Amino acid sequence: MNKIIYNRSMRNLLKTATIFLFLITLTAGTTAPAKDNNKAKALLDKVVSKAKSYKNIVIDFKYSIYNAKEKINQDSNGNVAMEGNKYVLNFMGITKIYDGKKIYTIVPEDEEVTVTNNDESDKNAITPNKIFTFFKKGFKYSMDIKQTIPGKTIQYVKLTPSSVTDTRKEILIGIDTKTNHIYNLIETGKNGTKTTLTVSTFKFNQALAKNHFTFVKSKYPNYYINKAD
């Protein structure tokens, strides 16, 4: 595996996934910065309310990253299961398990598992509390275009960073108006990089195994366990 490509893709995917997970854990008390944004806030509130009503969510997705200047044009598929603040993410042949306390990164190609503690001070940490504090401030909401695709009507909400130092130009959240589920997320960086996460299948309240969000060491008998923390 090209580790440079993986690290870049994973870093951007985690940023995009952070936005998605934020919407699932965000309370309805977020303040819209202007009266004209009330529609955008109301739509986001519907998405949040719907997602929070589920015991768990299981998603298959397509992830794309494109930058003409850097000659990057890559598509990857993945899936993620989420329940509370726990998750299992499979992406580019690597699995990440977060059991609520520790993160297990499983790399079959290297037969290695890296175990790290969740760091609340880490800006990239994917936990509900960190996502809430990260995203609650610093963005303006507004309604954007409405798009019709086969079988769906997608209403976009645009998020614009308030800080001039933010590397993101804008984020578009595509919402299926029939289900109030997120259809896709499109993040455009100031450097021209566009990352898109499109939901292929959205399932909820699935019958997951009790240890679904638990790292089971016996499944990896020949793997090197690297305790990074």
Protein backbone atom coordinates (compact mmCIF):
# COMPACT_ATOMS: atom_id res chain seq x y z
CA MET A 1 0.00 0.00 0.00
CA ASN A 2 1.20 3.52 -0.75
CA LYS A 3 1.31 4.90 2.80
CA ILE A 4 1.54 8.50 1.62
CA ILE A 5 -1.69 8.13 -0.35
CA TYR A 6 -3.33 6.28 2.54
CA ASN A 7 -2.31 8.85 5.14
CA ARG A 8 -3.51 11.74 2.99
CA SER A 9 -6.80 10.00 2.21
CA MET A 10 -7.36 8.94 5.81
CA ARG A 11 -6.60 12.43 7.11
CA ASN A 12 -9.12 13.99 4.72
CA LEU A 13 -11.65 11.22 5.31
CA LEU A 14 -11.48 11.73 9.07
CA LYS A 15 -12.07 15.45 8.59
CA THR A 16 -15.11 14.69 6.46
CA ALA A 17 -16.33 11.96 8.81
CA THR A 18 -15.95 14.37 11.70
CA ILE A 19 -18.55 16.62 10.11
CA PHE A 20 -20.91 13.67 9.62
CA LEU A 21 -20.48 12.40 13.17
CA PHE A 22 -20.94 15.92 14.45
CA LEU A 23 -24.36 16.17 12.87
CA ILE A 24 -25.35 12.92 14.54
CA THR A 25 -24.26 14.10 17.99
CA LEU A 26 -25.09 17.80 17.75
CA THR A 27 -27.93 19.01 19.96
CA ALA A 28 -30.69 21.13 18.50
CA GLY A 29 -29.48 24.17 20.46
CA THR A 30 -26.96 25.42 17.92
CA THR A 31 -27.49 29.09 17.16
CA ALA A 32 -27.92 30.30 13.59
CA PRO A 33 -25.91 33.47 12.98
CA ALA A 34 -28.61 35.31 11.05
CA LYS A 35 -32.36 35.25 10.49
CA ASP A 36 -31.94 34.20 6.86
CA ASN A 37 -30.24 31.02 8.04
CA ASN A 38 -33.20 29.75 10.05
CA LYS A 39 -34.23 27.39 7.23
CA ALA A 40 -30.75 25.90 7.10
CA LYS A 41 -30.68 25.44 10.86
CA ALA A 42 -34.17 23.89 10.86
CA LEU A 43 -33.15 21.37 8.20
CA LEU A 44 -29.98 20.44 10.08
CA ASP A 45 -32.05 20.03 13.25
CA LYS A 46 -34.26 17.52 11.41
CA VAL A 47 -31.21 15.54 10.33
CA VAL A 48 -29.83 15.53 13.87
CA SER A 49 -33.16 14.56 15.43
CA LYS A 50 -33.64 11.69 12.98
CA ALA A 51 -30.12 10.34 13.42
CA LYS A 52 -30.22 10.56 17.22
CA SER A 53 -33.39 8.47 17.27
CA TYR A 54 -31.46 5.43 15.99
CA LYS A 55 -29.67 2.96 18.26
CA ASN A 56 -26.93 2.56 15.67
CA ILE A 57 -26.12 3.53 12.10
CA VAL A 58 -24.28 1.49 9.47
CA ILE A 59 -23.13 3.21 6.29
CA ASP A 60 -21.42 2.16 3.07
CA PHE A 61 -19.79 5.10 1.35
CA LYS A 62 -17.71 6.25 -1.59
CA TYR A 63 -14.91 8.67 -0.86
CA SER A 64 -13.32 10.85 -3.54
CA ILE A 65 -10.45 13.30 -3.38
CA TYR A 66 -9.55 15.56 -6.31
CA ASN A 67 -6.95 18.25 -6.85
CA ALA A 68 -6.04 19.15 -10.45
CA LYS A 69 -2.90 21.07 -9.49
CA GLU A 70 -1.46 18.19 -7.47
CA LYS A 71 -2.75 15.65 -10.01
CA ILE A 72 -4.76 13.81 -7.38
CA ASN A 73 -7.89 11.99 -8.49
CA GLN A 74 -8.72 9.02 -6.30
CA ASP A 75 -11.86 7.11 -5.40
CA SER A 76 -12.14 4.65 -2.52
CA ASN A 77 -14.97 2.75 -0.89
CA GLY A 78 -15.48 2.14 2.79
CA ASN A 79 -17.99 1.51 5.52
CA VAL A 80 -18.56 2.63 9.08
CA ALA A 81 -20.74 1.44 11.94
CA MET A 82 -21.54 3.89 14.76
CA GLU A 83 -23.25 3.46 18.10
CA GLY A 84 -23.04 6.18 20.71
CA ASN A 85 -19.44 7.35 20.74
CA LYS A 86 -18.12 4.03 19.43
CA TYR A 87 -17.33 3.20 15.81
CA VAL A 88 -15.75 0.70 13.43
CA LEU A 89 -14.35 2.20 10.25
CA ASN A 90 -13.09 0.15 7.28
CA PHE A 91 -11.22 2.16 4.66
CA MET A 92 -8.49 1.33 2.12
CA GLY A 93 -7.89 -2.09 3.64
CA ILE A 94 -7.40 -0.78 7.17
CA THR A 95 -9.81 -1.09 10.10
CA LYS A 96 -10.16 1.40 12.96
CA ILE A 97 -12.08 0.39 16.07
CA TYR A 98 -12.96 2.89 18.78
CA ASP A 99 -14.45 1.18 21.84
CA GLY A 100 -15.08 4.40 23.74
CA LYS A 101 -11.66 4.38 25.40
CA LYS A 102 -8.99 3.16 23.01
CA ILE A 103 -8.47 3.26 19.25
CA TYR A 104 -7.26 0.09 17.52
CA THR A 105 -5.80 0.53 14.03
CA ILE A 106 -5.57 -2.83 12.29
CA VAL A 107 -3.32 -3.14 9.23
CA PRO A 108 -3.58 -6.65 7.67
CA GLU A 109 -0.84 -5.93 5.14
CA ASP A 110 1.69 -5.42 7.96
CA GLU A 111 -0.01 -7.81 10.40
CA GLU A 112 0.09 -5.04 12.97
CA VAL A 113 -2.35 -3.48 15.41
CA THR A 114 -1.60 -0.05 16.86
CA VAL A 115 -3.35 0.78 20.11
CA THR A 116 -3.71 4.39 21.20
CA ASN A 117 -5.64 6.20 23.89
CA ASN A 118 -8.23 8.69 22.77
CA ASP A 119 -6.74 12.15 23.20
CA GLU A 120 -9.37 14.79 23.92
CA SER A 121 -6.82 17.50 23.09
CA ASP A 122 -6.31 16.07 19.59
CA LYS A 123 -8.16 18.23 17.08
CA ASN A 124 -8.67 15.18 14.84
CA ALA A 125 -10.13 13.02 17.60
CA ILE A 126 -13.48 11.56 16.54
CA THR A 127 -15.56 11.66 19.71
CA PRO A 128 -19.00 13.22 20.22
CA ASN A 129 -17.78 15.68 22.85
CA LYS A 130 -14.86 16.92 20.75
CA ILE A 131 -16.99 17.10 17.63
CA PHE A 132 -19.57 19.15 19.49
CA THR A 133 -17.07 21.72 20.77
CA PHE A 134 -15.21 21.83 17.46
CA PHE A 135 -18.17 22.48 15.24
CA LYS A 136 -20.48 24.49 17.45
CA LYS A 137 -18.52 27.66 16.72
CA GLY A 138 -16.87 29.07 13.65
CA PHE A 139 -19.34 28.32 10.85
CA LYS A 140 -22.16 30.17 9.15
CA TYR A 141 -25.12 28.22 7.73
CA SER A 142 -27.07 29.01 4.58
CA MET A 143 -29.38 27.20 2.18
CA ASP A 144 -27.81 26.30 -1.15
CA ILE A 145 -28.99 24.58 -4.33
CA LYS A 146 -31.57 21.82 -4.59
CA GLN A 147 -30.66 18.93 -6.86
CA THR A 148 -32.76 16.11 -8.25
CA ILE A 149 -31.15 12.73 -8.82
CA PRO A 150 -32.93 9.43 -9.64
CA GLY A 151 -35.29 8.73 -6.77
CA LYS A 152 -34.05 11.54 -4.55
CA THR A 153 -34.31 15.28 -4.03
CA ILE A 154 -31.19 16.65 -2.40
CA GLN A 155 -31.19 19.98 -0.58
CA TYR A 156 -27.75 21.40 0.11
CA VAL A 157 -26.80 23.43 3.16
CA LYS A 158 -23.58 25.45 2.90
CA LEU A 159 -21.27 25.85 5.85
CA THR A 160 -18.73 28.67 5.57
CA PRO A 161 -15.86 28.92 8.09
CA SER A 162 -15.79 32.23 9.94
CA SER A 163 -12.03 32.18 10.50
CA VAL A 164 -9.82 33.45 7.67
CA THR A 165 -7.13 30.98 8.78
CA ASP A 166 -9.38 27.95 8.21
CA THR A 167 -8.02 25.88 5.31
CA ARG A 168 -11.54 25.06 4.14
CA LYS A 169 -13.36 27.34 1.75
CA GLU A 170 -16.78 25.79 2.22
CA ILE A 171 -18.62 22.60 3.08
CA LEU A 172 -21.80 21.46 1.36
CA ILE A 173 -24.06 19.02 3.16
CA GLY A 174 -26.49 17.23 0.83
CA ILE A 175 -29.66 16.12 2.60
CA ASP A 176 -32.29 13.75 1.21
CA THR A 177 -35.50 15.74 1.77
CA LYS A 178 -37.64 12.59 1.98
CA THR A 179 -35.66 10.72 4.64
CA ASN A 180 -33.73 13.60 6.29
CA HIS A 181 -30.61 11.48 5.93
CA ILE A 182 -27.29 12.85 4.74
CA TYR A 183 -26.67 11.93 1.11
CA ASN A 184 -23.24 13.46 0.69
CA LEU A 185 -20.67 15.89 2.04
CA ILE A 186 -18.54 18.03 -0.26
CA GLU A 187 -15.61 19.89 1.28
CA THR A 188 -13.67 22.38 -0.83
CA GLY A 189 -10.30 23.53 0.44
CA LYS A 190 -8.65 26.85 -0.26
CA ASN A 191 -5.84 24.92 -1.96
CA GLY A 192 -8.29 23.57 -4.54
CA THR A 193 -8.68 20.10 -3.02
CA LYS A 194 -12.23 18.77 -3.16
CA THR A 195 -13.20 15.80 -1.02
CA THR A 196 -16.58 14.13 -1.38
CA LEU A 197 -18.17 11.49 0.81
CA THR A 198 -21.27 9.95 -0.77
CA VAL A 199 -23.48 7.55 1.16
CA SER A 200 -24.19 4.40 -0.85
CA THR A 201 -26.34 2.62 1.73
CA PHE A 202 -27.74 3.91 5.02
CA LYS A 203 -28.96 1.34 7.54
CA PHE A 204 -30.00 1.83 11.14
CA ASN A 205 -31.01 -0.16 14.23
CA GLN A 206 -29.05 -3.14 13.01
CA ALA A 207 -28.62 -6.36 15.00
CA LEU A 208 -24.92 -5.94 15.71
CA ALA A 209 -22.92 -8.42 17.77
CA LYS A 210 -22.27 -7.47 21.40
CA ASN A 211 -18.54 -7.28 20.71
CA HIS A 212 -18.90 -5.42 17.41
CA PHE A 213 -17.10 -2.38 18.81
CA THR A 214 -14.57 -4.41 20.79
CA PHE A 215 -11.09 -5.40 19.67
CA VAL A 216 -10.84 -9.19 19.94
CA LYS A 217 -7.15 -10.10 20.12
CA SER A 218 -7.75 -13.78 19.33
CA LYS A 219 -8.84 -12.82 15.81
CA TYR A 220 -5.30 -11.63 15.07
CA PRO A 221 -3.03 -14.38 16.50
CA ASN A 222 0.09 -13.51 14.48
CA TYR A 223 -0.24 -9.72 14.59
CA TYR A 224 2.23 -7.47 16.34
CA ILE A 225 0.44 -5.37 18.95
CA ASN A 226 2.00 -1.92 19.08
CA LYS A 227 0.87 0.01 22.16
CA ALA A 228 1.71 3.53 21.09
CA ASP A 229 0.54 5.18 24.34
